[in-house]
Amino acid sequence: MSTNTENYIKNQLMETQERVRDFRDISHEVENPEIKQFLREYAGTEDIKAQQIKDSLDTEYIDSDQK
């Protein structure tokens, strides 16, 4: 993986992790139970995506180390 691609993916991972924190924080401030639940579910979905990005980076590092 090129350095530019790696940096881009790492940046996207950080942004996704920030979105997870933001949506979780906002969900604590919202009074409407439906919106609160939506925000929590959305944060959970984003968290899964962040983990997938991290796993792909980890896999790339492992694969490149074994070459």
N, C-alpha and C. Protein backbone atom coordinates (compact mmCIF):
# COMPACT_ATOMS: atom_id res chain seq x y z
N MET A 1 0.85 -1.17 0.00
CA MET A 1 0.00 0.00 0.00
C MET A 1 0.90 1.23 0.00
N SER A 2 0.57 2.19 -0.84
CA SER A 2 1.37 3.40 -0.89
C SER A 2 1.15 4.23 0.38
N THR A 3 2.10 5.08 0.67
CA THR A 3 2.03 5.91 1.87
C THR A 3 0.81 6.83 1.81
N ASN A 4 0.52 7.38 0.63
CA ASN A 4 -0.65 8.26 0.50
C ASN A 4 -1.94 7.52 0.80
N THR A 5 -2.06 6.30 0.29
CA THR A 5 -3.25 5.51 0.54
C THR A 5 -3.36 5.16 2.01
N GLU A 6 -2.25 4.76 2.59
CA GLU A 6 -2.24 4.42 4.01
C GLU A 6 -2.64 5.61 4.87
N ASN A 7 -2.09 6.77 4.57
CA ASN A 7 -2.43 7.99 5.33
C ASN A 7 -3.90 8.34 5.17
N TYR A 8 -4.42 8.19 3.96
CA TYR A 8 -5.83 8.48 3.72
C TYR A 8 -6.71 7.55 4.56
N ILE A 9 -6.39 6.26 4.56
CA ILE A 9 -7.20 5.29 5.31
C ILE A 9 -7.10 5.57 6.80
N LYS A 10 -5.92 5.88 7.29
CA LYS A 10 -5.77 6.20 8.71
C LYS A 10 -6.57 7.44 9.07
N ASN A 11 -6.58 8.42 8.19
CA ASN A 11 -7.35 9.64 8.42
C ASN A 11 -8.85 9.32 8.47
N GLN A 12 -9.30 8.47 7.55
CA GLN A 12 -10.71 8.09 7.54
C GLN A 12 -11.08 7.32 8.80
N LEU A 13 -10.16 6.50 9.29
CA LEU A 13 -10.41 5.77 10.53
C LEU A 13 -10.59 6.76 11.69
N MET A 14 -9.71 7.73 11.79
CA MET A 14 -9.83 8.73 12.86
C MET A 14 -11.15 9.50 12.76
N GLU A 15 -11.52 9.89 11.55
CA GLU A 15 -12.77 10.62 11.36
C GLU A 15 -13.98 9.77 11.74
N THR A 16 -13.94 8.50 11.38
CA THR A 16 -15.04 7.61 11.71
C THR A 16 -15.14 7.42 13.22
N GLN A 17 -14.01 7.26 13.89
CA GLN A 17 -14.00 7.12 15.35
C GLN A 17 -14.53 8.38 16.02
N GLU A 18 -14.20 9.54 15.47
CA GLU A 18 -14.72 10.80 16.00
C GLU A 18 -16.23 10.88 15.83
N ARG A 19 -16.74 10.43 14.69
CA ARG A 19 -18.19 10.43 14.47
C ARG A 19 -18.89 9.53 15.48
N VAL A 20 -18.30 8.39 15.77
CA VAL A 20 -18.88 7.48 16.76
C VAL A 20 -19.00 8.20 18.10
N ARG A 21 -17.93 8.83 18.54
CA ARG A 21 -17.97 9.56 19.82
C ARG A 21 -18.99 10.68 19.79
N ASP A 22 -19.02 11.42 18.68
CA ASP A 22 -19.96 12.54 18.58
C ASP A 22 -21.41 12.07 18.67
N PHE A 23 -21.75 11.03 17.92
CA PHE A 23 -23.13 10.55 17.93
C PHE A 23 -23.50 9.96 19.29
N ARG A 24 -22.57 9.29 19.95
CA ARG A 24 -22.86 8.77 21.29
C ARG A 24 -23.05 9.93 22.27
N ASP A 25 -22.19 10.94 22.19
CA ASP A 25 -22.33 12.09 23.08
C ASP A 25 -23.65 12.81 22.85
N ILE A 26 -23.98 13.03 21.59
CA ILE A 26 -25.23 13.73 21.26
C ILE A 26 -26.44 12.94 21.74
N SER A 27 -26.36 11.62 21.65
CA SER A 27 -27.51 10.79 22.06
C SER A 27 -27.84 10.99 23.54
N HIS A 28 -26.86 11.34 24.35
CA HIS A 28 -27.11 11.57 25.78
C HIS A 28 -27.80 12.91 26.03
N GLU A 29 -27.74 13.81 25.06
CA GLU A 29 -28.33 15.13 25.22
C GLU A 29 -29.74 15.23 24.65
N VAL A 30 -30.12 14.27 23.82
CA VAL A 30 -31.42 14.30 23.14
C VAL A 30 -32.49 13.71 24.06
N GLU A 31 -33.64 14.36 24.11
CA GLU A 31 -34.73 13.86 24.96
C GLU A 31 -35.67 12.93 24.21
N ASN A 32 -35.83 13.13 22.92
CA ASN A 32 -36.73 12.29 22.13
C ASN A 32 -36.18 10.86 22.07
N PRO A 33 -36.93 9.88 22.60
CA PRO A 33 -36.41 8.51 22.66
C PRO A 33 -36.14 7.89 21.28
N GLU A 34 -36.93 8.25 20.29
CA GLU A 34 -36.72 7.69 18.95
C GLU A 34 -35.43 8.22 18.34
N ILE A 35 -35.20 9.51 18.48
CA ILE A 35 -33.97 10.11 17.96
C ILE A 35 -32.77 9.59 18.74
N LYS A 36 -32.92 9.49 20.06
CA LYS A 36 -31.85 8.97 20.90
C LYS A 36 -31.46 7.57 20.44
N GLN A 37 -32.44 6.71 20.20
CA GLN A 37 -32.18 5.35 19.75
C GLN A 37 -31.52 5.35 18.37
N PHE A 38 -32.01 6.20 17.48
CA PHE A 38 -31.41 6.30 16.15
C PHE A 38 -29.94 6.67 16.24
N LEU A 39 -29.62 7.67 17.06
CA LEU A 39 -28.23 8.13 17.20
C LEU A 39 -27.35 7.02 17.77
N ARG A 40 -27.86 6.28 18.73
CA ARG A 40 -27.08 5.17 19.31
C ARG A 40 -26.85 4.07 18.28
N GLU A 41 -27.89 3.76 17.52
CA GLU A 41 -27.75 2.72 16.49
C GLU A 41 -26.78 3.17 15.40
N TYR A 42 -26.88 4.43 15.01
CA TYR A 42 -25.97 4.97 14.00
C TYR A 42 -24.53 4.92 14.49
N ALA A 43 -24.33 5.29 15.75
CA ALA A 43 -22.98 5.22 16.34
C ALA A 43 -22.47 3.79 16.31
N GLY A 44 -23.35 2.84 16.59
CA GLY A 44 -22.96 1.43 16.56
C GLY A 44 -22.55 0.99 15.17
N THR A 45 -23.30 1.43 14.17
CA THR A 45 -22.98 1.09 12.78
C THR A 45 -21.64 1.70 12.37
N GLU A 46 -21.43 2.96 12.74
CA GLU A 46 -20.16 3.62 12.43
C GLU A 46 -19.00 2.94 13.15
N ASP A 47 -19.26 2.46 14.36
CA ASP A 47 -18.23 1.77 15.13
C ASP A 47 -17.80 0.48 14.41
N ILE A 48 -18.76 -0.22 13.86
CA ILE A 48 -18.45 -1.44 13.09
C ILE A 48 -17.60 -1.08 11.88
N LYS A 49 -17.95 0.00 11.21
CA LYS A 49 -17.17 0.43 10.04
C LYS A 49 -15.75 0.81 10.45
N ALA A 50 -15.61 1.50 11.57
CA ALA A 50 -14.28 1.87 12.04
C ALA A 50 -13.45 0.62 12.33
N GLN A 51 -14.08 -0.38 12.92
CA GLN A 51 -13.36 -1.62 13.21
C GLN A 51 -12.94 -2.32 11.91
N GLN A 52 -13.80 -2.27 10.90
CA GLN A 52 -13.45 -2.87 9.61
C GLN A 52 -12.27 -2.15 8.97
N ILE A 53 -12.25 -0.84 9.06
CA ILE A 53 -11.13 -0.07 8.53
C ILE A 53 -9.85 -0.44 9.27
N LYS A 54 -9.92 -0.49 10.60
CA LYS A 54 -8.75 -0.85 11.40
C LYS A 54 -8.28 -2.26 11.06
N ASP A 55 -9.20 -3.19 10.93
CA ASP A 55 -8.83 -4.56 10.58
C ASP A 55 -8.14 -4.63 9.23
N SER A 56 -8.62 -3.85 8.27
CA SER A 56 -8.00 -3.87 6.94
C SER A 56 -6.59 -3.30 7.00
N LEU A 57 -6.39 -2.27 7.82
CA LEU A 57 -5.04 -1.73 7.99
C LEU A 57 -4.14 -2.76 8.66
N ASP A 58 -4.65 -3.40 9.71
CA ASP A 58 -3.86 -4.42 10.40
C ASP A 58 -3.51 -5.56 9.46
N THR A 59 -4.46 -5.98 8.65
CA THR A 59 -4.22 -7.07 7.69
C THR A 59 -3.16 -6.66 6.68
N GLU A 60 -3.25 -5.43 6.21
CA GLU A 60 -2.27 -4.93 5.23
C GLU A 60 -0.88 -4.93 5.83
N TYR A 61 -0.76 -4.50 7.08
CA TYR A 61 0.55 -4.49 7.73
C TYR A 61 1.08 -5.90 7.92
N ILE A 62 0.22 -6.81 8.34
CA ILE A 62 0.63 -8.20 8.54
C ILE A 62 1.05 -8.81 7.21
N ASP A 63 0.24 -8.60 6.18
CA ASP A 63 0.55 -9.16 4.85
C ASP A 63 1.85 -8.60 4.31
N SER A 64 2.08 -7.30 4.47
CA SER A 64 3.30 -6.70 3.92
C SER A 64 4.52 -7.12 4.73
N ASP A 65 4.34 -7.40 6.02
CA ASP A 65 5.46 -7.87 6.83
C ASP A 65 5.88 -9.28 6.46
N GLN A 66 4.94 -10.08 5.97
CA GLN A 66 5.23 -11.47 5.65
C GLN A 66 5.81 -11.63 4.26
N LYS A 67 5.80 -10.58 3.47
CA LYS A 67 6.31 -10.66 2.10
C LYS A 67 7.81 -10.56 2.07
